[in-house]
PDB file of N, CA and C in Angstrom:
ATOM      1  N   MET A   1       0.854  -0.844   0.010  1.00  0.00           N
ATOM      2  CA  MET A   1      -0.143  -0.042   0.203  1.00  0.00           C
ATOM      3  C   MET A   1       0.758   1.156  -0.141  1.00  0.00           C
ATOM      4  N   PRO A   2       0.587   2.236  -1.017  1.00  0.00           N
ATOM      5  CA  PRO A   2       1.372   3.457  -1.010  1.00  0.00           C
ATOM      6  C   PRO A   2       1.339   4.092   0.353  1.00  0.00           C
ATOM      7  N   ASP A   3       2.303   5.100   0.530  1.00  0.00           N
ATOM      8  CA  ASP A   3       2.118   6.012   1.625  1.00  0.00           C
ATOM      9  C   ASP A   3       1.217   6.962   1.521  1.00  0.00           C
ATOM     10  N   ILE A   4       0.187   7.102   2.294  1.00  0.00           N
ATOM     11  CA  ILE A   4      -0.837   8.287   1.792  1.00  0.00           C
ATOM     12  C   ILE A   4      -0.437   9.645   2.227  1.00  0.00           C
ATOM     13  N   THR A   5       0.917   9.974   3.022  1.00  0.00           N
ATOM     14  CA  THR A   5       1.256  11.201   2.951  1.00  0.00           C
ATOM     15  C   THR A   5       2.244  11.507   2.000  1.00  0.00           C
ATOM     16  N   LYS A   6       2.291  10.729   0.968  1.00  0.00           N
ATOM     17  CA  LYS A   6       3.039  11.147  -0.214  1.00  0.00           C
ATOM     18  C   LYS A   6       2.437  10.901  -1.443  1.00  0.00           C
ATOM     19  N   TYR A   7       1.215  10.176  -1.350  1.00  0.00           N
ATOM     20  CA  TYR A   7       0.395  10.137  -2.823  1.00  0.00           C
ATOM     21  C   TYR A   7      -0.989   9.815  -2.565  1.00  0.00           C
ATOM     22  N   LYS A   8      -1.763  10.413  -3.792  1.00  0.00           N
ATOM     23  CA  LYS A   8      -3.058  10.427  -3.717  1.00  0.00           C
ATOM     24  C   LYS A   8      -3.530   9.583  -5.134  1.00  0.00           C
ATOM     25  N   SER A   9      -4.688   9.270  -4.700  1.00  0.00           N
ATOM     26  CA  SER A   9      -5.419   8.829  -5.786  1.00  0.00           C
ATOM     27  C   SER A   9      -6.557   9.787  -6.464  1.00  0.00           C
ATOM     28  N   VAL A  10      -6.575   9.516  -7.810  1.00  0.00           N
ATOM     29  CA  VAL A  10      -7.602  10.463  -8.327  1.00  0.00           C
ATOM     30  C   VAL A  10      -8.529   9.491  -9.402  1.00  0.00           C
ATOM     31  N   ALA A  11      -9.810   9.987  -9.597  1.00  0.00           N
ATOM     32  CA  ALA A  11     -10.451   9.242 -10.632  1.00  0.00           C
ATOM     33  C   ALA A  11     -10.485  10.061 -11.867  1.00  0.00           C
ATOM     34  N   ILE A  12     -10.291   9.557 -12.903  1.00  0.00           N
ATOM     35  CA  ILE A  12     -10.665  10.358 -14.332  1.00  0.00           C
ATOM     36  C   ILE A  12     -11.450   9.292 -15.381  1.00  0.00           C
ATOM     37  N   SER A  13     -12.023  10.078 -16.043  1.00  0.00           N
ATOM     38  CA  SER A  13     -12.638   9.185 -17.337  1.00  0.00           C
ATOM     39  C   SER A  13     -11.785   8.098 -17.879  1.00  0.00           C
ATOM     40  N   LEU A  14     -12.332   7.049 -18.443  1.00  0.00           N
ATOM     41  CA  LEU A  14     -11.433   6.200 -19.342  1.00  0.00           C
ATOM     42  C   LEU A  14     -10.883   6.921 -20.413  1.00  0.00           C
ATOM     43  N   GLN A  15     -11.578   7.912 -21.096  1.00  0.00           N
ATOM     44  CA  GLN A  15     -11.173   8.607 -22.099  1.00  0.00           C
ATOM     45  C   GLN A  15     -10.077   9.442 -21.960  1.00  0.00           C
ATOM     46  N   SER A  16     -10.148  10.319 -20.394  1.00  0.00           N
ATOM     47  CA  SER A  16      -9.092  10.969 -20.381  1.00  0.00           C
ATOM     48  C   SER A  16      -7.927  10.273 -19.993  1.00  0.00           C
ATOM     49  N   TYR A  17      -7.954   9.122 -19.502  1.00  0.00           N
ATOM     50  CA  TYR A  17      -6.769   8.284 -18.919  1.00  0.00           C
ATOM     51  C   TYR A  17      -6.228   7.896 -20.546  1.00  0.00           C
ATOM     52  N   ASN A  18      -6.884   7.336 -21.323  1.00  0.00           N
ATOM     53  CA  ASN A  18      -6.307   7.115 -22.579  1.00  0.00           C
ATOM     54  C   ASN A  18      -5.611   8.119 -23.197  1.00  0.00           C
ATOM     55  N   GLU A  19      -6.081   9.230 -23.149  1.00  0.00           N
ATOM     56  CA  GLU A  19      -5.585  10.346 -23.792  1.00  0.00           C
ATOM     57  C   GLU A  19      -4.189  10.574 -22.903  1.00  0.00           C
ATOM     58  N   LEU A  20      -4.391  10.704 -21.901  1.00  0.00           N
ATOM     59  CA  LEU A  20      -3.202  10.924 -20.691  1.00  0.00           C
ATOM     60  C   LEU A  20      -1.908  10.111 -21.129  1.00  0.00           C
ATOM     61  N   MET A  21      -2.224   8.673 -21.399  1.00  0.00           N
ATOM     62  CA  MET A  21      -1.292   7.812 -21.697  1.00  0.00           C
ATOM     63  C   MET A  21      -0.560   7.938 -23.130  1.00  0.00           C
ATOM     64  N   ALA A  22      -1.610   8.513 -23.872  1.00  0.00           N
ATOM     65  CA  ALA A  22      -1.153   8.669 -25.352  1.00  0.00           C
ATOM     66  C   ALA A  22      -0.019   9.694 -25.306  1.00  0.00           C
ATOM     67  N   MET A  23      -0.327  10.615 -24.383  1.00  0.00           N
ATOM     68  CA  MET A  23       1.000  11.890 -24.318  1.00  0.00           C
ATOM     69  C   MET A  23       2.089  11.330 -23.563  1.00  0.00           C
ATOM     70  N   ALA A  24       1.780  10.197 -22.515  1.00  0.00           N
ATOM     71  CA  ALA A  24       2.891   9.864 -21.648  1.00  0.00           C
ATOM     72  C   ALA A  24       4.007   8.994 -22.570  1.00  0.00           C
ATOM     73  N   LYS A  25       3.264   8.221 -23.062  1.00  0.00           N
ATOM     74  CA  LYS A  25       4.192   6.930 -23.726  1.00  0.00           C
ATOM     75  C   LYS A  25       5.285   7.318 -24.486  1.00  0.00           C
ATOM     76  N   PRO A  26       5.109   8.326 -25.554  1.00  0.00           N
ATOM     77  CA  PRO A  26       6.174   8.709 -26.384  1.00  0.00           C
ATOM     78  C   PRO A  26       7.565   9.335 -25.503  1.00  0.00           C
ATOM     79  N   ASN A  27       6.985   9.734 -24.274  1.00  0.00           N
ATOM     80  CA  ASN A  27       8.015  10.388 -23.362  1.00  0.00           C
ATOM     81  C   ASN A  27       8.485   9.537 -22.303  1.00  0.00           C
ATOM     82  N   PHE A  28       8.080   8.128 -22.314  1.00  0.00           N
ATOM     83  CA  PHE A  28       8.509   7.072 -21.272  1.00  0.00           C
ATOM     84  C   PHE A  28       8.020   7.482 -19.942  1.00  0.00           C
ATOM     85  N   ARG A  29       6.825   8.266 -19.958  1.00  0.00           N
ATOM     86  CA  ARG A  29       6.512   8.655 -18.623  1.00  0.00           C
ATOM     87  C   ARG A  29       5.307   7.871 -18.122  1.00  0.00           C
ATOM     88  N   SER A  30       5.104   7.480 -16.810  1.00  0.00           N
ATOM     89  CA  SER A  30       3.894   6.863 -16.323  1.00  0.00           C
ATOM     90  C   SER A  30       2.660   7.730 -16.318  1.00  0.00           C
ATOM     91  N   ALA A  31       1.576   7.178 -15.957  1.00  0.00           N
ATOM     92  CA  ALA A  31       0.572   8.074 -15.580  1.00  0.00           C
ATOM     93  C   ALA A  31       0.632   9.420 -14.516  1.00  0.00           C
ATOM     94  N   GLY A  32       1.394   8.780 -13.534  1.00  0.00           N
ATOM     95  CA  GLY A  32       1.837   9.868 -12.298  1.00  0.00           C
ATOM     96  C   GLY A  32       2.858  10.856 -12.842  1.00  0.00           C
ATOM     97  N   GLN A  33       3.612  10.484 -13.592  1.00  0.00           N
ATOM     98  CA  GLN A  33       4.798  11.315 -13.941  1.00  0.00           C
ATOM     99  C   GLN A  33       4.242  12.216 -15.136  1.00  0.00           C
ATOM    100  N   GLN A  34       3.404  11.819 -15.766  1.00  0.00           N
ATOM    101  CA  GLN A  34       2.571  12.783 -16.898  1.00  0.00           C
ATOM    102  C   GLN A  34       1.853  13.928 -16.173  1.00  0.00           C
ATOM    103  N   ILE A  35       1.035  13.281 -15.085  1.00  0.00           N
ATOM    104  CA  ILE A  35       0.226  14.249 -14.465  1.00  0.00           C
ATOM    105  C   ILE A  35       0.946  15.470 -13.742  1.00  0.00           C
ATOM    106  N   ALA A  36       2.149  15.057 -13.128  1.00  0.00           N
ATOM    107  CA  ALA A  36       3.198  15.823 -12.573  1.00  0.00           C
ATOM    108  C   ALA A  36       3.856  16.847 -13.470  1.00  0.00           C
ATOM    109  N   PHE A  37       4.052  16.411 -14.769  1.00  0.00           N
ATOM    110  CA  PHE A  37       4.685  17.154 -15.665  1.00  0.00           C
ATOM    111  C   PHE A  37       3.488  18.299 -16.134  1.00  0.00           C
ATOM    112  N   LEU A  38       2.333  18.058 -16.347  1.00  0.00           N
ATOM    113  CA  LEU A  38       1.355  18.808 -16.887  1.00  0.00           C
ATOM    114  C   LEU A  38       0.911  19.884 -15.790  1.00  0.00           C
ATOM    115  N   VAL A  39       1.166  19.593 -14.625  1.00  0.00           N
ATOM    116  CA  VAL A  39       0.800  20.452 -13.655  1.00  0.00           C
ATOM    117  C   VAL A  39       1.708  21.404 -13.558  1.00  0.00           C
ATOM    118  N   ASP A  40       3.122  21.202 -13.795  1.00  0.00           N
ATOM    119  CA  ASP A  40       4.239  21.817 -13.681  1.00  0.00           C
ATOM    120  C   ASP A  40       4.128  22.763 -14.937  1.00  0.00           C
ATOM    121  N   GLU A  41       3.733  22.214 -15.969  1.00  0.00           N
ATOM    122  CA  GLU A  41       3.741  23.076 -17.454  1.00  0.00           C
ATOM    123  C   GLU A  41       2.446  24.107 -17.153  1.00  0.00           C
ATOM    124  N   ALA A  42       1.522  23.777 -16.488  1.00  0.00           N
ATOM    125  CA  ALA A  42       0.373  24.600 -16.176  1.00  0.00           C
ATOM    126  C   ALA A  42       0.654  25.731 -15.190  1.00  0.00           C
ATOM    127  N   ARG A  43       1.310  25.379 -14.406  1.00  0.00           N
ATOM    128  CA  ARG A  43       1.726  26.526 -13.426  1.00  0.00           C
ATOM    129  C   ARG A  43       2.544  27.518 -13.980  1.00  0.00           C
ATOM    130  N   LYS A  44       3.330  27.372 -14.865  1.00  0.00           N
ATOM    131  CA  LYS A  44       4.121  28.271 -15.928  1.00  0.00           C
ATOM    132  C   LYS A  44       3.326  29.262 -16.781  1.00  0.00           C
ATOM    133  N   ALA A  45       2.060  28.544 -16.961  1.00  0.00           N
ATOM    134  CA  ALA A  45       1.140  29.320 -18.081  1.00  0.00           C
ATOM    135  C   ALA A  45       0.453  30.521 -17.289  1.00  0.00           C
ATOM    136  N   PRO A  46       0.010  31.407 -18.234  1.00  0.00           N
ATOM    137  CA  PRO A  46      -0.856  32.838 -17.420  1.00  0.00           C
ATOM    138  C   PRO A  46      -2.004  32.097 -16.900  1.00  0.00           C
ATOM    139  N   SER A  47      -2.729  32.750 -15.951  1.00  0.00           N
ATOM    140  CA  SER A  47      -4.021  32.438 -15.540  1.00  0.00           C
ATOM    141  C   SER A  47      -5.343  32.731 -16.433  1.00  0.00           C
ATOM    142  N   ASP A  48      -6.304  32.269 -16.165  1.00  0.00           N
ATOM    143  CA  ASP A  48      -7.358  32.748 -16.796  1.00  0.00           C
ATOM    144  C   ASP A  48      -7.781  34.177 -17.049  1.00  0.00           C
ATOM    145  N   LYS A  49      -7.382  34.758 -15.637  1.00  0.00           N
ATOM    146  CA  LYS A  49      -7.664  36.166 -15.164  1.00  0.00           C
ATOM    147  C   LYS A  49      -6.703  37.106 -16.072  1.00  0.00           C
ATOM    148  N   GLN A  50      -5.423  36.440 -16.117  1.00  0.00           N
ATOM    149  CA  GLN A  50      -4.573  37.426 -17.016  1.00  0.00           C
ATOM    150  C   GLN A  50      -4.899  37.440 -18.410  1.00  0.00           C
ATOM    151  N   ILE A  51      -5.318  36.167 -18.976  1.00  0.00           N
ATOM    152  CA  ILE A  51      -5.486  35.985 -20.473  1.00  0.00           C
ATOM    153  C   ILE A  51      -6.741  37.073 -20.776  1.00  0.00           C
ATOM    154  N   ARG A  52      -7.924  36.989 -19.703  1.00  0.00           N
ATOM    155  CA  ARG A  52      -8.991  38.027 -20.127  1.00  0.00           C
ATOM    156  C   ARG A  52      -8.502  39.193 -20.166  1.00  0.00           C
ATOM    157  N   LYS A  53      -7.509  39.890 -19.019  1.00  0.00           N
ATOM    158  CA  LYS A  53      -7.257  41.106 -19.114  1.00  0.00           C
ATOM    159  C   LYS A  53      -6.396  41.506 -20.257  1.00  0.00           C
ATOM    160  N   PHE A  54      -5.564  40.422 -20.723  1.00  0.00           N
ATOM    161  CA  PHE A  54      -4.765  40.727 -22.146  1.00  0.00           C
ATOM    162  C   PHE A  54      -5.738  40.921 -23.136  1.00  0.00           C
ATOM    163  N   TYR A  55      -6.748  40.155 -23.458  1.00  0.00           N
ATOM    164  CA  TYR A  55      -7.588  40.141 -24.340  1.00  0.00           C
ATOM    165  C   TYR A  55      -8.320  41.614 -24.249  1.00  0.00           C
ATOM    166  N   ALA A  56      -8.703  41.846 -23.233  1.00  0.00           N
ATOM    167  CA  ALA A  56      -9.769  42.894 -22.842  1.00  0.00           C
ATOM    168  C   ALA A  56      -8.749  44.398 -23.410  1.00  0.00           C
ATOM    169  N   SER A  57      -7.622  44.240 -22.983  1.00  0.00           N
ATOM    170  CA  SER A  57      -6.720  45.519 -23.444  1.00  0.00           C
ATOM    171  C   SER A  57      -6.532  45.637 -24.880  1.00  0.00           C
ATOM    172  N   LEU A  58      -6.516  44.269 -25.545  1.00  0.00           N
ATOM    173  CA  LEU A  58      -6.396  44.378 -27.091  1.00  0.00           C
ATOM    174  C   LEU A  58      -7.796  45.221 -27.610  1.00  0.00           C
ATOM    175  N   LEU A  59      -8.715  44.531 -27.156  1.00  0.00           N
ATOM    176  CA  LEU A  59      -9.954  44.970 -27.483  1.00  0.00           C
ATOM    177  C   LEU A  59     -10.309  46.460 -27.507  1.00  0.00           C
ATOM    178  N   LYS A  60      -9.750  47.134 -26.266  1.00  0.00           N
ATOM    179  CA  LYS A  60      -9.669  48.398 -25.791  1.00  0.00           C
ATOM    180  C   LYS A  60      -9.159  49.044 -26.747  1.00  0.00           C
ATOM    181  N   LYS A  61      -7.845  48.635 -27.247  1.00  0.00           N
ATOM    182  CA  LYS A  61      -7.017  49.557 -27.987  1.00  0.00           C
ATOM    183  C   LYS A  61      -7.488  49.434 -29.468  1.00  0.00           C
ATOM    184  N   THR A  62      -8.146  48.415 -29.895  1.00  0.00           N
ATOM    185  CA  THR A  62      -8.853  48.084 -31.219  1.00  0.00           C
ATOM    186  C   THR A  62     -10.037  49.241 -31.543  1.00  0.00           C
ATOM    187  N   TYR A  63     -10.799  49.339 -30.484  1.00  0.00           N
ATOM    188  CA  TYR A  63     -11.916  50.225 -30.593  1.00  0.00           C
ATOM    189  C   TYR A  63     -11.878  51.469 -29.920  1.00  0.00           C
ATOM    190  N   SER A  64     -10.496  51.801 -29.537  1.00  0.00           N
ATOM    191  CA  SER A  64     -10.467  53.141 -29.058  1.00  0.00           C
ATOM    192  C   SER A  64      -9.627  54.084 -29.822  1.00  0.00           C
ATOM    193  N   SER A  65      -9.209  53.101 -31.190  1.00  0.00           N
ATOM    194  CA  SER A  65      -8.394  54.131 -32.299  1.00  0.00           C
ATOM    195  C   SER A  65      -9.086  54.603 -33.281  1.00  0.00           C
TER     196      SER A  65
END
């Protein structure tokens, strides 16, 4: 049994699991390693709020000209 202070289980649909594994296999990653990789990459990406603010500023510039 895994150490529950270090690991957690998550439930995802079979379709999502298959897509996850399709992304993981070419990089020789397990499901857990792929999830950790995706979380790390998502952390680097702009937040939804930042994206909305960026596009709002573009619209403002476009329509104020």
